[in-house]
Amino acid sequence: MEVRPARPGEQATVRGVLNAAMLSVDDDALRDGTTLVAAADGRVVGVLVLDGDRIAAVAVRPGRRGQGVGTALVEAAAARRDRLVAGFDPGVRPFYESLGFDVERSGERCRGVRE
């Protein structure tokens, strides 16, 4: 598996992975942010959208979850930024904590910071 910046012709594929995870990212974040993809055997299996130091979305195709794709995407983002911030549902808190994020609960959501 390789993690790399999304290529210009991959926007529909990126949207498909995000939609499958029921995540929405506005078009500005996709255009102006940094979109990373994890590709295996020529197929995009995961997506991470950075908006500055904020993780706007991270999504992995259902059949590839639990195989280190999300971890590889977050580690690649961390290599590009000194600090990462993420907002997420409590159900994925263990994932972010395992990647070194300091996590706080804020209402029904969590916020994690990795420096």
N, C-alpha and C. Protein backbone atom coordinates (compact mmCIF):
# COMPACT_ATOMS: atom_id res chain seq x y z
N MET A 1 0.84 -1.18 0.00
CA MET A 1 0.00 0.00 0.00
C MET A 1 0.89 1.23 0.00
N GLU A 2 0.48 2.22 -0.77
CA GLU A 2 1.19 3.50 -0.78
C GLU A 2 0.24 4.60 -0.38
N VAL A 3 0.76 5.58 0.35
CA VAL A 3 0.00 6.78 0.70
C VAL A 3 0.63 7.92 -0.07
N ARG A 4 -0.21 8.67 -0.78
CA ARG A 4 0.28 9.75 -1.64
C ARG A 4 -0.79 10.81 -1.77
N PRO A 5 -0.41 11.99 -2.28
CA PRO A 5 -1.43 13.01 -2.57
C PRO A 5 -2.38 12.51 -3.66
N ALA A 6 -3.63 12.88 -3.53
CA ALA A 6 -4.61 12.52 -4.56
C ALA A 6 -4.23 13.17 -5.87
N ARG A 7 -4.48 12.47 -6.94
CA ARG A 7 -4.21 12.99 -8.28
C ARG A 7 -5.43 13.74 -8.80
N PRO A 8 -5.22 14.67 -9.74
CA PRO A 8 -6.35 15.49 -10.23
C PRO A 8 -7.56 14.68 -10.70
N GLY A 9 -7.39 13.57 -11.33
CA GLY A 9 -8.52 12.80 -11.85
C GLY A 9 -9.19 11.89 -10.84
N GLU A 10 -8.79 11.96 -9.58
CA GLU A 10 -9.33 11.03 -8.58
C GLU A 10 -10.43 11.63 -7.70
N GLN A 11 -10.91 12.83 -8.02
CA GLN A 11 -11.89 13.47 -7.15
C GLN A 11 -13.16 12.63 -6.99
N ALA A 12 -13.65 12.02 -8.05
CA ALA A 12 -14.86 11.20 -7.96
C ALA A 12 -14.61 9.98 -7.06
N THR A 13 -13.44 9.39 -7.18
CA THR A 13 -13.10 8.25 -6.34
C THR A 13 -13.00 8.67 -4.87
N VAL A 14 -12.36 9.81 -4.63
CA VAL A 14 -12.25 10.34 -3.26
C VAL A 14 -13.65 10.56 -2.69
N ARG A 15 -14.53 11.18 -3.45
CA ARG A 15 -15.90 11.42 -2.99
C ARG A 15 -16.61 10.09 -2.69
N GLY A 16 -16.38 9.08 -3.53
CA GLY A 16 -17.00 7.78 -3.33
C GLY A 16 -16.59 7.14 -2.01
N VAL A 17 -15.30 7.22 -1.68
CA VAL A 17 -14.82 6.66 -0.41
C VAL A 17 -15.41 7.43 0.77
N LEU A 18 -15.44 8.76 0.67
CA LEU A 18 -16.03 9.58 1.73
C LEU A 18 -17.52 9.28 1.88
N ASN A 19 -18.23 9.18 0.77
CA ASN A 19 -19.67 8.88 0.83
C ASN A 19 -19.94 7.52 1.44
N ALA A 20 -19.12 6.52 1.13
CA ALA A 20 -19.31 5.18 1.69
C ALA A 20 -19.16 5.19 3.21
N ALA A 21 -18.37 6.13 3.72
CA ALA A 21 -18.18 6.26 5.17
C ALA A 21 -19.18 7.25 5.76
N MET A 22 -20.10 7.75 4.93
CA MET A 22 -21.11 8.72 5.34
C MET A 22 -20.48 9.99 5.89
N LEU A 23 -19.40 10.43 5.24
CA LEU A 23 -18.72 11.67 5.60
C LEU A 23 -18.90 12.68 4.48
N SER A 24 -19.10 13.92 4.85
CA SER A 24 -19.18 14.95 3.84
C SER A 24 -18.10 15.99 4.09
N VAL A 25 -17.48 16.41 3.02
CA VAL A 25 -16.45 17.44 3.06
C VAL A 25 -16.82 18.44 1.98
N ASP A 26 -16.80 19.71 2.33
CA ASP A 26 -17.19 20.69 1.33
C ASP A 26 -16.15 20.74 0.21
N ASP A 27 -16.61 21.18 -0.94
CA ASP A 27 -15.75 21.22 -2.12
C ASP A 27 -14.51 22.07 -1.91
N ASP A 28 -14.63 23.15 -1.12
CA ASP A 28 -13.47 24.01 -0.87
C ASP A 28 -12.36 23.24 -0.18
N ALA A 29 -12.70 22.39 0.78
CA ALA A 29 -11.67 21.61 1.48
C ALA A 29 -10.99 20.64 0.53
N LEU A 30 -11.74 20.07 -0.39
CA LEU A 30 -11.12 19.15 -1.36
C LEU A 30 -10.23 19.89 -2.33
N ARG A 31 -10.63 21.09 -2.71
CA ARG A 31 -9.82 21.87 -3.65
C ARG A 31 -8.62 22.51 -2.97
N ASP A 32 -8.87 23.13 -1.81
CA ASP A 32 -7.83 23.95 -1.18
C ASP A 32 -7.00 23.20 -0.15
N GLY A 33 -7.52 22.10 0.35
CA GLY A 33 -6.80 21.35 1.36
C GLY A 33 -5.83 20.38 0.72
N THR A 34 -5.31 19.51 1.53
CA THR A 34 -4.44 18.45 1.06
C THR A 34 -5.21 17.15 1.19
N THR A 35 -5.42 16.47 0.10
CA THR A 35 -6.10 15.20 0.13
C THR A 35 -5.08 14.10 -0.11
N LEU A 36 -4.99 13.19 0.85
CA LEU A 36 -4.10 12.05 0.74
C LEU A 36 -4.94 10.81 0.46
N VAL A 37 -4.41 9.92 -0.34
CA VAL A 37 -5.08 8.64 -0.58
C VAL A 37 -4.14 7.50 -0.25
N ALA A 38 -4.74 6.41 0.18
CA ALA A 38 -4.01 5.16 0.35
C ALA A 38 -4.44 4.28 -0.82
N ALA A 39 -3.48 3.80 -1.57
CA ALA A 39 -3.79 2.99 -2.75
C ALA A 39 -3.13 1.63 -2.62
N ALA A 40 -3.87 0.61 -3.01
CA ALA A 40 -3.36 -0.76 -3.01
C ALA A 40 -3.79 -1.40 -4.33
N ASP A 41 -2.86 -2.00 -5.01
CA ASP A 41 -3.13 -2.64 -6.29
C ASP A 41 -3.84 -1.70 -7.26
N GLY A 42 -3.41 -0.42 -7.26
CA GLY A 42 -3.96 0.57 -8.18
C GLY A 42 -5.33 1.09 -7.81
N ARG A 43 -5.85 0.72 -6.64
CA ARG A 43 -7.19 1.14 -6.23
C ARG A 43 -7.11 1.97 -4.96
N VAL A 44 -7.84 3.08 -4.92
CA VAL A 44 -7.88 3.91 -3.72
C VAL A 44 -8.72 3.19 -2.67
N VAL A 45 -8.10 2.93 -1.51
CA VAL A 45 -8.78 2.21 -0.43
C VAL A 45 -9.04 3.08 0.79
N GLY A 46 -8.44 4.28 0.81
CA GLY A 46 -8.65 5.18 1.93
C GLY A 46 -8.33 6.61 1.54
N VAL A 47 -8.92 7.56 2.28
CA VAL A 47 -8.78 8.98 1.99
C VAL A 47 -8.65 9.75 3.30
N LEU A 48 -7.78 10.74 3.30
CA LEU A 48 -7.68 11.68 4.42
C LEU A 48 -7.62 13.08 3.82
N VAL A 49 -8.50 13.96 4.32
CA VAL A 49 -8.54 15.35 3.84
C VAL A 49 -8.04 16.25 4.96
N LEU A 50 -6.98 16.99 4.68
CA LEU A 50 -6.43 17.97 5.62
C LEU A 50 -6.89 19.36 5.21
N ASP A 51 -7.29 20.14 6.19
CA ASP A 51 -7.62 21.54 5.98
C ASP A 51 -6.76 22.32 6.97
N GLY A 52 -5.60 22.75 6.52
CA GLY A 52 -4.61 23.32 7.43
C GLY A 52 -4.08 22.22 8.33
N ASP A 53 -4.21 22.40 9.65
CA ASP A 53 -3.77 21.34 10.56
C ASP A 53 -4.93 20.46 11.03
N ARG A 54 -6.10 20.70 10.46
CA ARG A 54 -7.31 19.96 10.85
C ARG A 54 -7.57 18.79 9.91
N ILE A 55 -7.81 17.64 10.49
CA ILE A 55 -8.26 16.50 9.69
C ILE A 55 -9.75 16.70 9.45
N ALA A 56 -10.08 17.05 8.21
CA ALA A 56 -11.48 17.28 7.86
C ALA A 56 -12.24 15.97 7.73
N ALA A 57 -11.53 14.92 7.30
CA ALA A 57 -12.16 13.60 7.16
C ALA A 57 -11.08 12.54 6.97
N VAL A 58 -11.36 11.37 7.49
CA VAL A 58 -10.55 10.20 7.20
C VAL A 58 -11.54 9.05 7.00
N ALA A 59 -11.39 8.35 5.89
CA ALA A 59 -12.34 7.29 5.53
C ALA A 59 -11.58 6.14 4.87
N VAL A 60 -12.03 4.94 5.17
CA VAL A 60 -11.43 3.72 4.60
C VAL A 60 -12.57 2.88 4.03
N ARG A 61 -12.35 2.30 2.87
CA ARG A 61 -13.37 1.42 2.27
C ARG A 61 -13.72 0.32 3.28
N PRO A 62 -15.00 -0.02 3.38
CA PRO A 62 -15.42 -1.00 4.38
C PRO A 62 -14.63 -2.31 4.38
N GLY A 63 -14.31 -2.82 3.23
CA GLY A 63 -13.58 -4.08 3.15
C GLY A 63 -12.12 -4.00 3.58
N ARG A 64 -11.61 -2.79 3.77
CA ARG A 64 -10.21 -2.60 4.14
C ARG A 64 -10.03 -2.06 5.57
N ARG A 65 -11.13 -1.90 6.30
CA ARG A 65 -11.04 -1.40 7.67
C ARG A 65 -10.35 -2.42 8.56
N GLY A 66 -9.62 -1.92 9.54
CA GLY A 66 -8.91 -2.79 10.47
C GLY A 66 -7.61 -3.35 9.91
N GLN A 67 -7.15 -2.81 8.79
CA GLN A 67 -5.93 -3.31 8.15
C GLN A 67 -4.80 -2.28 8.13
N GLY A 68 -4.92 -1.24 8.94
CA GLY A 68 -3.86 -0.24 9.04
C GLY A 68 -3.92 0.89 8.02
N VAL A 69 -4.97 0.93 7.23
CA VAL A 69 -5.09 1.98 6.20
C VAL A 69 -5.25 3.35 6.86
N GLY A 70 -6.18 3.46 7.80
CA GLY A 70 -6.40 4.73 8.49
C GLY A 70 -5.17 5.19 9.24
N THR A 71 -4.50 4.25 9.88
CA THR A 71 -3.26 4.57 10.59
C THR A 71 -2.22 5.12 9.64
N ALA A 72 -2.05 4.48 8.50
CA ALA A 72 -1.06 4.94 7.52
C ALA A 72 -1.40 6.35 7.01
N LEU A 73 -2.68 6.62 6.82
CA LEU A 73 -3.09 7.95 6.36
C LEU A 73 -2.80 9.02 7.41
N VAL A 74 -3.14 8.74 8.66
CA VAL A 74 -2.89 9.73 9.73
C VAL A 74 -1.39 9.93 9.92
N GLU A 75 -0.59 8.87 9.86
CA GLU A 75 0.86 9.01 10.00
C GLU A 75 1.44 9.84 8.86
N ALA A 76 0.92 9.65 7.65
CA ALA A 76 1.39 10.45 6.51
C ALA A 76 1.01 11.92 6.70
N ALA A 77 -0.17 12.17 7.23
CA ALA A 77 -0.58 13.56 7.51
C ALA A 77 0.31 14.17 8.58
N ALA A 78 0.64 13.39 9.61
CA ALA A 78 1.50 13.88 10.70
C ALA A 78 2.90 14.21 10.19
N ALA A 79 3.34 13.51 9.18
CA ALA A 79 4.66 13.79 8.60
C ALA A 79 4.66 15.12 7.84
N ARG A 80 3.47 15.60 7.48
CA ARG A 80 3.34 16.85 6.72
C ARG A 80 3.00 18.06 7.61
N ARG A 81 2.59 17.80 8.84
CA ARG A 81 2.17 18.88 9.74
C ARG A 81 2.82 18.69 11.11
N ASP A 82 3.14 19.81 11.77
CA ASP A 82 3.69 19.74 13.13
C ASP A 82 2.60 19.41 14.14
N ARG A 83 1.37 19.72 13.79
CA ARG A 83 0.24 19.56 14.70
C ARG A 83 -0.96 19.10 13.90
N LEU A 84 -1.73 18.17 14.45
CA LEU A 84 -2.97 17.73 13.83
C LEU A 84 -4.11 17.88 14.84
N VAL A 85 -5.26 18.29 14.35
CA VAL A 85 -6.46 18.42 15.17
C VAL A 85 -7.57 17.65 14.47
N ALA A 86 -8.36 16.91 15.25
CA ALA A 86 -9.46 16.15 14.67
C ALA A 86 -10.68 16.21 15.57
N GLY A 87 -11.84 16.33 14.98
CA GLY A 87 -13.11 16.21 15.69
C GLY A 87 -13.75 14.91 15.23
N PHE A 88 -14.31 14.14 16.18
CA PHE A 88 -14.81 12.82 15.80
C PHE A 88 -15.81 12.30 16.83
N ASP A 89 -16.52 11.25 16.45
CA ASP A 89 -17.47 10.60 17.34
C ASP A 89 -16.73 9.76 18.38
N PRO A 90 -17.30 9.61 19.57
CA PRO A 90 -16.64 8.85 20.63
C PRO A 90 -16.30 7.41 20.25
N GLY A 91 -17.02 6.83 19.32
CA GLY A 91 -16.76 5.44 18.93
C GLY A 91 -15.39 5.21 18.32
N VAL A 92 -14.78 6.25 17.75
CA VAL A 92 -13.45 6.09 17.16
C VAL A 92 -12.35 6.69 18.05
N ARG A 93 -12.71 7.03 19.28
CA ARG A 93 -11.72 7.58 20.22
C ARG A 93 -10.50 6.66 20.38
N PRO A 94 -10.68 5.34 20.54
CA PRO A 94 -9.50 4.47 20.69
C PRO A 94 -8.54 4.55 19.50
N PHE A 95 -9.07 4.72 18.30
CA PHE A 95 -8.22 4.86 17.12
C PHE A 95 -7.31 6.07 17.25
N TYR A 96 -7.90 7.22 17.58
CA TYR A 96 -7.10 8.44 17.69
C TYR A 96 -6.13 8.38 18.88
N GLU A 97 -6.57 7.82 19.99
CA GLU A 97 -5.67 7.70 21.13
C GLU A 97 -4.48 6.79 20.81
N SER A 98 -4.72 5.73 20.05
CA SER A 98 -3.63 4.83 19.68
C SER A 98 -2.60 5.49 18.78
N LEU A 99 -2.99 6.60 18.15
CA LEU A 99 -2.08 7.34 17.27
C LEU A 99 -1.44 8.54 17.97
N GLY A 100 -1.61 8.62 19.28
CA GLY A 100 -0.94 9.66 20.05
C GLY A 100 -1.70 10.96 20.20
N PHE A 101 -2.99 10.97 19.88
CA PHE A 101 -3.79 12.17 20.06
C PHE A 101 -4.19 12.31 21.53
N ASP A 102 -4.12 13.52 22.06
CA ASP A 102 -4.70 13.85 23.35
C ASP A 102 -6.17 14.16 23.08
N VAL A 103 -7.05 13.41 23.71
CA VAL A 103 -8.47 13.49 23.38
C VAL A 103 -9.27 14.02 24.57
N GLU A 104 -10.20 14.92 24.24
CA GLU A 104 -11.15 15.46 25.22
C GLU A 104 -12.55 15.29 24.67
N ARG A 105 -13.47 15.01 25.54
CA ARG A 105 -14.88 14.92 25.14
C ARG A 105 -15.48 16.31 25.21
N SER A 106 -16.23 16.69 24.19
CA SER A 106 -16.89 17.99 24.15
C SER A 106 -18.33 17.75 23.71
N GLY A 107 -19.23 17.64 24.66
CA GLY A 107 -20.62 17.33 24.33
C GLY A 107 -20.72 15.92 23.78
N GLU A 108 -21.34 15.81 22.62
CA GLU A 108 -21.50 14.49 22.01
C GLU A 108 -20.33 14.11 21.11
N ARG A 109 -19.36 14.97 20.97
CA ARG A 109 -18.21 14.72 20.09
C ARG A 109 -16.93 14.72 20.90
N CYS A 110 -15.87 14.30 20.27
CA CYS A 110 -14.54 14.35 20.85
C CYS A 110 -13.64 15.24 19.99
N ARG A 111 -12.62 15.78 20.62
CA ARG A 111 -11.62 16.57 19.92
C ARG A 111 -10.26 16.03 20.31
N GLY A 112 -9.44 15.77 19.32
CA GLY A 112 -8.10 15.25 19.56
C GLY A 112 -7.05 16.14 18.96
N VAL A 113 -5.91 16.25 19.66
CA VAL A 113 -4.78 17.04 19.19
C VAL A 113 -3.54 16.18 19.28
N ARG A 114 -2.75 16.22 18.23
CA ARG A 114 -1.44 15.52 18.22
C ARG A 114 -0.38 16.53 17.84
N GLU A 115 0.58 16.68 18.76
CA GLU A 115 1.67 17.63 18.50
C GLU A 115 3.00 16.92 18.51
